Amino acid sequence: MEVKRICIYPKDVQLITGKSERYGRMLLARIKTHYQKQDHQFVSVDEFCQYTGLKAEQMHPFIIG
């Protein structure tokens, strides 16, 4: 059975965009600011997709496991 996550991490952003992990941290910080999240709160895949304009189906290969 495959495990799917609903949270996205800087390493995921790195795999998805091909940019650095540092860029991933920066982008997730911007998304948290946009959605007025606190530091301890996670960014969901749906929030990431809404912010970046990517489709959730495109995330499937990157967010398994």
C-alpha atoms as a PDB file:
ATOM      1  CA  MET A   1       0.000   0.000   0.000  1.00  0.00           C
ATOM      2  CA  GLU A   2       1.411   3.367  -0.927  1.00  0.00           C
ATOM      3  CA  VAL A   3       1.442   6.170   1.603  1.00  0.00           C
ATOM      4  CA  LYS A   4       0.444   9.647   0.479  1.00  0.00           C
ATOM      5  CA  ARG A   5       1.319  12.806   2.358  1.00  0.00           C
ATOM      6  CA  ILE A   6      -0.742  15.965   2.512  1.00  0.00           C
ATOM      7  CA  CYS A   7       2.131  18.196   3.652  1.00  0.00           C
ATOM      8  CA  ILE A   8       4.854  19.482   1.390  1.00  0.00           C
ATOM      9  CA  TYR A   9       8.461  20.030   2.445  1.00  0.00           C
ATOM     10  CA  PRO A  10      11.431  21.948   0.960  1.00  0.00           C
ATOM     11  CA  LYS A  11      12.899  18.721  -0.451  1.00  0.00           C
ATOM     12  CA  ASP A  12       9.613  18.125  -2.308  1.00  0.00           C
ATOM     13  CA  VAL A  13       9.772  21.629  -3.784  1.00  0.00           C
ATOM     14  CA  GLN A  14      13.351  20.904  -4.863  1.00  0.00           C
ATOM     15  CA  LEU A  15      12.273  17.729  -6.672  1.00  0.00           C
ATOM     16  CA  ILE A  16       9.253  19.403  -8.273  1.00  0.00           C
ATOM     17  CA  THR A  17      10.961  22.600  -9.448  1.00  0.00           C
ATOM     18  CA  GLY A  18      14.544  21.450  -9.969  1.00  0.00           C
ATOM     19  CA  LYS A  19      15.736  24.358  -7.850  1.00  0.00           C
ATOM     20  CA  SER A  20      17.670  24.295  -4.585  1.00  0.00           C
ATOM     21  CA  GLU A  21      16.356  23.204  -1.210  1.00  0.00           C
ATOM     22  CA  ARG A  22      16.999  26.759  -0.032  1.00  0.00           C
ATOM     23  CA  TYR A  23      14.603  27.988  -2.715  1.00  0.00           C
ATOM     24  CA  GLY A  24      12.086  25.434  -1.418  1.00  0.00           C
ATOM     25  CA  ARG A  25      12.341  26.842   2.103  1.00  0.00           C
ATOM     26  CA  MET A  26      11.906  30.367   0.784  1.00  0.00           C
ATOM     27  CA  LEU A  27       8.888  29.442  -1.338  1.00  0.00           C
ATOM     28  CA  LEU A  28       7.192  27.617   1.527  1.00  0.00           C
ATOM     29  CA  ALA A  29       7.802  30.640   3.776  1.00  0.00           C
ATOM     30  CA  ARG A  30       6.116  32.863   1.162  1.00  0.00           C
ATOM     31  CA  ILE A  31       3.175  30.460   0.944  1.00  0.00           C
ATOM     32  CA  LYS A  32       2.830  30.492   4.746  1.00  0.00           C
ATOM     33  CA  THR A  33       2.800  34.296   4.701  1.00  0.00           C
ATOM     34  CA  HIS A  34       0.238  34.321   1.889  1.00  0.00           C
ATOM     35  CA  TYR A  35      -2.092  32.000   3.800  1.00  0.00           C
ATOM     36  CA  GLN A  36      -1.331  33.714   7.142  1.00  0.00           C
ATOM     37  CA  LYS A  37      -0.020  30.528   8.724  1.00  0.00           C
ATOM     38  CA  GLN A  38       2.044  30.398  11.878  1.00  0.00           C
ATOM     39  CA  ASP A  39       5.610  29.049  11.856  1.00  0.00           C
ATOM     40  CA  HIS A  40       4.616  25.689  13.349  1.00  0.00           C
ATOM     41  CA  GLN A  41       1.899  25.063  10.740  1.00  0.00           C
ATOM     42  CA  PHE A  42       2.481  22.987   7.617  1.00  0.00           C
ATOM     43  CA  VAL A  43       1.806  23.845   3.974  1.00  0.00           C
ATOM     44  CA  SER A  44      -0.543  21.383   2.318  1.00  0.00           C
ATOM     45  CA  VAL A  45      -0.182  20.065  -1.203  1.00  0.00           C
ATOM     46  CA  ASP A  46      -3.456  21.825  -2.092  1.00  0.00           C
ATOM     47  CA  GLU A  47      -2.160  25.181  -0.807  1.00  0.00           C
ATOM     48  CA  PHE A  48       1.088  24.685  -2.718  1.00  0.00           C
ATOM     49  CA  CYS A  49      -0.843  23.921  -5.906  1.00  0.00           C
ATOM     50  CA  GLN A  50      -3.161  26.903  -5.519  1.00  0.00           C
ATOM     51  CA  TYR A  51      -0.223  29.237  -4.920  1.00  0.00           C
ATOM     52  CA  THR A  52       1.957  27.945  -7.759  1.00  0.00           C
ATOM     53  CA  GLY A  53      -0.780  27.179 -10.277  1.00  0.00           C
ATOM     54  CA  LEU A  54       0.258  23.534 -10.574  1.00  0.00           C
ATOM     55  CA  LYS A  55      -2.285  20.712 -10.602  1.00  0.00           C
ATOM     56  CA  ALA A  56      -2.517  18.244  -7.738  1.00  0.00           C
ATOM     57  CA  GLU A  57      -2.317  15.341 -10.209  1.00  0.00           C
ATOM     58  CA  GLN A  58       1.136  16.570 -11.241  1.00  0.00           C
ATOM     59  CA  MET A  59       2.320  16.282  -7.615  1.00  0.00           C
ATOM     60  CA  HIS A  60       1.406  12.592  -7.288  1.00  0.00           C
ATOM     61  CA  PRO A  61       4.781  11.161  -8.409  1.00  0.00           C
ATOM     62  CA  PHE A  62       6.665  13.477  -6.037  1.00  0.00           C
ATOM     63  CA  ILE A  63       4.566  13.188  -2.879  1.00  0.00           C
ATOM     64  CA  ILE A  64       4.347   9.421  -2.463  1.00  0.00           C
ATOM     65  CA  GLY A  65       6.120   7.883   0.498  1.00  0.00           C
END
